[in-house]
Amino acid sequence: MREANSGKHEFKQIHGFRKFFKNNAERACKTIDVEKLMGHTENYYKPSHDYLLSEYIKAFPI
């Protein structure tokens, strides 16, 4: 039996995480790089994986 509110809050949590990532990453990276890291496709912009990794590390140091 499925609970009435089982999937109600999952979307809000995912949206909150994506918004947190985008806001904080855009402080250190270009918007187009952030969109690429989020999985949004861009037809003509194809940066290397090494470049995207270096941009990610700038935004979120390990």
PDB file of N, CA and C in Angstrom:
ATOM      1  N   MET A   1       0.847  -1.185   0.000  1.00  0.00           N
ATOM      2  CA  MET A   1       0.000   0.000   0.000  1.00  0.00           C
ATOM      3  C   MET A   1       0.887   1.240   0.000  1.00  0.00           C
ATOM      4  N   ARG A   2       0.547   2.198  -0.797  1.00  0.00           N
ATOM      5  CA  ARG A   2       1.324   3.424  -0.917  1.00  0.00           C
ATOM      6  C   ARG A   2       0.815   4.481   0.044  1.00  0.00           C
ATOM      7  N   GLU A   3       1.741   5.167   0.687  1.00  0.00           N
ATOM      8  CA  GLU A   3       1.345   6.242   1.594  1.00  0.00           C
ATOM      9  C   GLU A   3       0.875   7.441   0.790  1.00  0.00           C
ATOM     10  N   ALA A   4       0.050   8.257   1.375  1.00  0.00           N
ATOM     11  CA  ALA A   4      -0.541   9.396   0.667  1.00  0.00           C
ATOM     12  C   ALA A   4       0.491  10.453   0.293  1.00  0.00           C
ATOM     13  N   ASN A   5       1.489  10.696   1.126  1.00  0.00           N
ATOM     14  CA  ASN A   5       2.456  11.767   0.892  1.00  0.00           C
ATOM     15  C   ASN A   5       3.851  11.240   0.581  1.00  0.00           C
ATOM     16  N   SER A   6       3.968  10.059   0.022  1.00  0.00           N
ATOM     17  CA  SER A   6       5.284   9.435  -0.142  1.00  0.00           C
ATOM     18  C   SER A   6       6.199  10.189  -1.092  1.00  0.00           C
ATOM     19  N   GLY A   7       5.695  10.785  -2.162  1.00  0.00           N
ATOM     20  CA  GLY A   7       6.554  11.469  -3.128  1.00  0.00           C
ATOM     21  C   GLY A   7       6.407  12.968  -3.111  1.00  0.00           C
ATOM     22  N   LYS A   8       5.666  13.495  -2.190  1.00  0.00           N
ATOM     23  CA  LYS A   8       5.354  14.919  -2.187  1.00  0.00           C
ATOM     24  C   LYS A   8       6.571  15.798  -1.912  1.00  0.00           C
ATOM     25  N   HIS A   9       7.424  15.406  -1.002  1.00  0.00           N
ATOM     26  CA  HIS A   9       8.535  16.257  -0.597  1.00  0.00           C
ATOM     27  C   HIS A   9       9.819  15.963  -1.375  1.00  0.00           C
ATOM     28  N   GLU A  10       9.860  14.872  -2.081  1.00  0.00           N
ATOM     29  CA  GLU A  10      11.065  14.503  -2.807  1.00  0.00           C
ATOM     30  C   GLU A  10      11.411  15.556  -3.856  1.00  0.00           C
ATOM     31  N   PHE A  11      10.443  16.060  -4.585  1.00  0.00           N
ATOM     32  CA  PHE A  11      10.699  17.077  -5.602  1.00  0.00           C
ATOM     33  C   PHE A  11      11.280  18.340  -4.976  1.00  0.00           C
ATOM     34  N   LYS A  12      10.754  18.764  -3.851  1.00  0.00           N
ATOM     35  CA  LYS A  12      11.242  19.973  -3.186  1.00  0.00           C
ATOM     36  C   LYS A  12      12.686  19.814  -2.741  1.00  0.00           C
ATOM     37  N   GLN A  13      13.047  18.628  -2.268  1.00  0.00           N
ATOM     38  CA  GLN A  13      14.420  18.390  -1.835  1.00  0.00           C
ATOM     39  C   GLN A  13      15.368  18.438  -3.017  1.00  0.00           C
ATOM     40  N   ILE A  14      15.002  17.807  -4.119  1.00  0.00           N
ATOM     41  CA  ILE A  14      15.854  17.806  -5.304  1.00  0.00           C
ATOM     42  C   ILE A  14      15.985  19.214  -5.857  1.00  0.00           C
ATOM     43  N   HIS A  15      14.887  19.935  -5.922  1.00  0.00           N
ATOM     44  CA  HIS A  15      14.916  21.309  -6.431  1.00  0.00           C
ATOM     45  C   HIS A  15      15.802  22.185  -5.549  1.00  0.00           C
ATOM     46  N   GLY A  16      15.701  22.005  -4.243  1.00  0.00           N
ATOM     47  CA  GLY A  16      16.522  22.782  -3.319  1.00  0.00           C
ATOM     48  C   GLY A  16      18.001  22.508  -3.499  1.00  0.00           C
ATOM     49  N   PHE A  17      18.357  21.249  -3.714  1.00  0.00           N
ATOM     50  CA  PHE A  17      19.755  20.904  -3.927  1.00  0.00           C
ATOM     51  C   PHE A  17      20.271  21.506  -5.223  1.00  0.00           C
ATOM     52  N   ARG A  18      19.475  21.411  -6.307  1.00  0.00           N
ATOM     53  CA  ARG A  18      19.883  21.968  -7.594  1.00  0.00           C
ATOM     54  C   ARG A  18      20.032  23.489  -7.507  1.00  0.00           C
ATOM     55  N   LYS A  19      19.128  24.142  -6.800  1.00  0.00           N
ATOM     56  CA  LYS A  19      19.203  25.596  -6.654  1.00  0.00           C
ATOM     57  C   LYS A  19      20.434  25.996  -5.831  1.00  0.00           C
ATOM     58  N   PHE A  20      20.710  25.261  -4.762  1.00  0.00           N
ATOM     59  CA  PHE A  20      21.900  25.518  -3.958  1.00  0.00           C
ATOM     60  C   PHE A  20      23.157  25.378  -4.805  1.00  0.00           C
ATOM     61  N   PHE A  21      23.229  24.292  -5.586  1.00  0.00           N
ATOM     62  CA  PHE A  21      24.392  24.061  -6.434  1.00  0.00           C
ATOM     63  C   PHE A  21      24.558  25.192  -7.440  1.00  0.00           C
ATOM     64  N   LYS A  22      23.479  25.556  -8.126  1.00  0.00           N
ATOM     65  CA  LYS A  22      23.561  26.578  -9.167  1.00  0.00           C
ATOM     66  C   LYS A  22      23.971  27.932  -8.583  1.00  0.00           C
ATOM     67  N   ASN A  23      23.361  28.345  -7.491  1.00  0.00           N
ATOM     68  CA  ASN A  23      23.680  29.641  -6.893  1.00  0.00           C
ATOM     69  C   ASN A  23      25.131  29.719  -6.438  1.00  0.00           C
ATOM     70  N   ASN A  24      25.623  28.665  -5.812  1.00  0.00           N
ATOM     71  CA  ASN A  24      26.989  28.696  -5.303  1.00  0.00           C
ATOM     72  C   ASN A  24      28.020  28.506  -6.406  1.00  0.00           C
ATOM     73  N   ALA A  25      27.705  27.717  -7.404  1.00  0.00           N
ATOM     74  CA  ALA A  25      28.650  27.498  -8.498  1.00  0.00           C
ATOM     75  C   ALA A  25      28.786  28.742  -9.368  1.00  0.00           C
ATOM     76  N   GLU A  26      27.707  29.487  -9.557  1.00  0.00           N
ATOM     77  CA  GLU A  26      27.772  30.688 -10.398  1.00  0.00           C
ATOM     78  C   GLU A  26      28.598  31.803  -9.773  1.00  0.00           C
ATOM     79  N   ARG A  27      28.903  31.701  -8.498  1.00  0.00           N
ATOM     80  CA  ARG A  27      29.773  32.694  -7.857  1.00  0.00           C
ATOM     81  C   ARG A  27      31.207  32.554  -8.338  1.00  0.00           C
ATOM     82  N   ALA A  28      31.595  31.333  -8.741  1.00  0.00           N
ATOM     83  CA  ALA A  28      32.978  31.077  -9.128  1.00  0.00           C
ATOM     84  C   ALA A  28      33.140  30.709 -10.596  1.00  0.00           C
ATOM     85  N   CYS A  29      32.068  30.314 -11.264  1.00  0.00           N
ATOM     86  CA  CYS A  29      32.161  29.813 -12.641  1.00  0.00           C
ATOM     87  C   CYS A  29      31.250  30.615 -13.568  1.00  0.00           C
ATOM     88  N   LYS A  30      31.472  30.411 -14.863  1.00  0.00           N
ATOM     89  CA  LYS A  30      30.590  31.000 -15.858  1.00  0.00           C
ATOM     90  C   LYS A  30      29.266  30.239 -15.863  1.00  0.00           C
ATOM     91  N   THR A  31      28.198  30.940 -16.173  1.00  0.00           N
ATOM     92  CA  THR A  31      26.872  30.332 -16.168  1.00  0.00           C
ATOM     93  C   THR A  31      26.781  29.161 -17.131  1.00  0.00           C
ATOM     94  N   ILE A  32      27.384  29.269 -18.279  1.00  0.00           N
ATOM     95  CA  ILE A  32      27.309  28.188 -19.265  1.00  0.00           C
ATOM     96  C   ILE A  32      27.994  26.926 -18.749  1.00  0.00           C
ATOM     97  N   ASP A  33      29.066  27.084 -17.973  1.00  0.00           N
ATOM     98  CA  ASP A  33      29.737  25.921 -17.385  1.00  0.00           C
ATOM     99  C   ASP A  33      28.872  25.282 -16.299  1.00  0.00           C
ATOM    100  N   VAL A  34      28.192  26.102 -15.521  1.00  0.00           N
ATOM    101  CA  VAL A  34      27.298  25.583 -14.481  1.00  0.00           C
ATOM    102  C   VAL A  34      26.158  24.796 -15.122  1.00  0.00           C
ATOM    103  N   GLU A  35      25.590  25.324 -16.191  1.00  0.00           N
ATOM    104  CA  GLU A  35      24.509  24.623 -16.883  1.00  0.00           C
ATOM    105  C   GLU A  35      24.993  23.275 -17.420  1.00  0.00           C
ATOM    106  N   LYS A  36      26.202  23.241 -17.939  1.00  0.00           N
ATOM    107  CA  LYS A  36      26.769  21.989 -18.445  1.00  0.00           C
ATOM    108  C   LYS A  36      26.977  20.994 -17.302  1.00  0.00           C
ATOM    109  N   LEU A  37      27.466  21.470 -16.151  1.00  0.00           N
ATOM    110  CA  LEU A  37      27.654  20.597 -14.994  1.00  0.00           C
ATOM    111  C   LEU A  37      26.326  20.055 -14.470  1.00  0.00           C
ATOM    112  N   MET A  38      25.259  20.812 -14.643  1.00  0.00           N
ATOM    113  CA  MET A  38      23.951  20.372 -14.197  1.00  0.00           C
ATOM    114  C   MET A  38      23.304  19.392 -15.172  1.00  0.00           C
ATOM    115  N   GLY A  39      23.940  19.182 -16.304  1.00  0.00           N
ATOM    116  CA  GLY A  39      23.411  18.219 -17.249  1.00  0.00           C
ATOM    117  C   GLY A  39      22.567  18.813 -18.348  1.00  0.00           C
ATOM    118  N   HIS A  40      22.474  20.133 -18.382  1.00  0.00           N
ATOM    119  CA  HIS A  40      21.735  20.772 -19.452  1.00  0.00           C
ATOM    120  C   HIS A  40      22.618  20.796 -20.692  1.00  0.00           C
ATOM    121  N   THR A  41      22.077  20.386 -21.802  1.00  0.00           N
ATOM    122  CA  THR A  41      22.889  20.244 -23.006  1.00  0.00           C
ATOM    123  C   THR A  41      22.995  21.557 -23.762  1.00  0.00           C
ATOM    124  N   GLU A  42      24.100  21.730 -24.380  1.00  0.00           N
ATOM    125  CA  GLU A  42      24.379  22.870 -25.245  1.00  0.00           C
ATOM    126  C   GLU A  42      24.941  22.290 -26.525  1.00  0.00           C
ATOM    127  N   ASN A  43      24.368  22.611 -27.663  1.00  0.00           N
ATOM    128  CA  ASN A  43      24.732  21.964 -28.922  1.00  0.00           C
ATOM    129  C   ASN A  43      26.161  22.246 -29.366  1.00  0.00           C
ATOM    130  N   TYR A  44      26.622  23.459 -29.241  1.00  0.00           N
ATOM    131  CA  TYR A  44      27.909  23.817 -29.814  1.00  0.00           C
ATOM    132  C   TYR A  44      29.017  23.981 -28.787  1.00  0.00           C
ATOM    133  N   TYR A  45      28.675  24.077 -27.530  1.00  0.00           N
ATOM    134  CA  TYR A  45      29.674  24.272 -26.471  1.00  0.00           C
ATOM    135  C   TYR A  45      30.017  22.925 -25.865  1.00  0.00           C
ATOM    136  N   LYS A  46      31.225  22.440 -26.122  1.00  0.00           N
ATOM    137  CA  LYS A  46      31.641  21.128 -25.629  1.00  0.00           C
ATOM    138  C   LYS A  46      33.004  21.224 -24.945  1.00  0.00           C
ATOM    139  N   PRO A  47      33.028  21.692 -23.697  1.00  0.00           N
ATOM    140  CA  PRO A  47      34.307  21.780 -22.981  1.00  0.00           C
ATOM    141  C   PRO A  47      34.807  20.387 -22.595  1.00  0.00           C
ATOM    142  N   SER A  48      36.092  20.293 -22.348  1.00  0.00           N
ATOM    143  CA  SER A  48      36.660  18.998 -21.960  1.00  0.00           C
ATOM    144  C   SER A  48      36.257  18.665 -20.522  1.00  0.00           C
ATOM    145  N   HIS A  49      36.348  17.397 -20.200  1.00  0.00           N
ATOM    146  CA  HIS A  49      36.026  16.953 -18.843  1.00  0.00           C
ATOM    147  C   HIS A  49      37.010  17.533 -17.833  1.00  0.00           C
ATOM    148  N   ASP A  50      38.260  17.661 -18.223  1.00  0.00           N
ATOM    149  CA  ASP A  50      39.263  18.233 -17.319  1.00  0.00           C
ATOM    150  C   ASP A  50      38.947  19.689 -16.994  1.00  0.00           C
ATOM    151  N   TYR A  51      38.506  20.435 -18.009  1.00  0.00           N
ATOM    152  CA  TYR A  51      38.138  21.844 -17.788  1.00  0.00           C
ATOM    153  C   TYR A  51      36.943  21.937 -16.834  1.00  0.00           C
ATOM    154  N   LEU A  52      35.917  21.116 -17.064  1.00  0.00           N
ATOM    155  CA  LEU A  52      34.745  21.154 -16.193  1.00  0.00           C
ATOM    156  C   LEU A  52      35.097  20.735 -14.768  1.00  0.00           C
ATOM    157  N   LEU A  53      35.992  19.786 -14.633  1.00  0.00           N
ATOM    158  CA  LEU A  53      36.436  19.375 -13.300  1.00  0.00           C
ATOM    159  C   LEU A  53      37.147  20.521 -12.592  1.00  0.00           C
ATOM    160  N   SER A  54      38.010  21.239 -13.309  1.00  0.00           N
ATOM    161  CA  SER A  54      38.713  22.367 -12.688  1.00  0.00           C
ATOM    162  C   SER A  54      37.747  23.473 -12.297  1.00  0.00           C
ATOM    163  N   GLU A  55      36.703  23.695 -13.081  1.00  0.00           N
ATOM    164  CA  GLU A  55      35.683  24.693 -12.742  1.00  0.00           C
ATOM    165  C   GLU A  55      34.887  24.252 -11.518  1.00  0.00           C
ATOM    166  N   TYR A  56      34.564  22.980 -11.463  1.00  0.00           N
ATOM    167  CA  TYR A  56      33.823  22.446 -10.310  1.00  0.00           C
ATOM    168  C   TYR A  56      34.635  22.602  -9.027  1.00  0.00           C
ATOM    169  N   ILE A  57      35.930  22.309  -9.113  1.00  0.00           N
ATOM    170  CA  ILE A  57      36.788  22.417  -7.930  1.00  0.00           C
ATOM    171  C   ILE A  57      36.949  23.865  -7.498  1.00  0.00           C
ATOM    172  N   LYS A  58      36.940  24.813  -8.450  1.00  0.00           N
ATOM    173  CA  LYS A  58      36.975  26.227  -8.077  1.00  0.00           C
ATOM    174  C   LYS A  58      35.756  26.605  -7.265  1.00  0.00           C
ATOM    175  N   ALA A  59      34.604  26.087  -7.647  1.00  0.00           N
ATOM    176  CA  ALA A  59      33.359  26.437  -6.969  1.00  0.00           C
ATOM    177  C   ALA A  59      33.212  25.696  -5.639  1.00  0.00           C
ATOM    178  N   PHE A  60      33.613  24.425  -5.607  1.00  0.00           N
ATOM    179  CA  PHE A  60      33.463  23.603  -4.408  1.00  0.00           C
ATOM    180  C   PHE A  60      34.784  22.921  -4.103  1.00  0.00           C
ATOM    181  N   PRO A  61      35.700  23.594  -3.418  1.00  0.00           N
ATOM    182  CA  PRO A  61      36.994  22.985  -3.122  1.00  0.00           C
ATOM    183  C   PRO A  61      36.836  21.723  -2.273  1.00  0.00           C
ATOM    184  N   ILE A  62      37.679  20.779  -2.552  1.00  0.00           N
ATOM    185  CA  ILE A  62      37.602  19.502  -1.841  1.00  0.00           C
ATOM    186  C   ILE A  62      38.375  19.583  -0.546  1.00  0.00           C
TER     187      ILE A  62
END
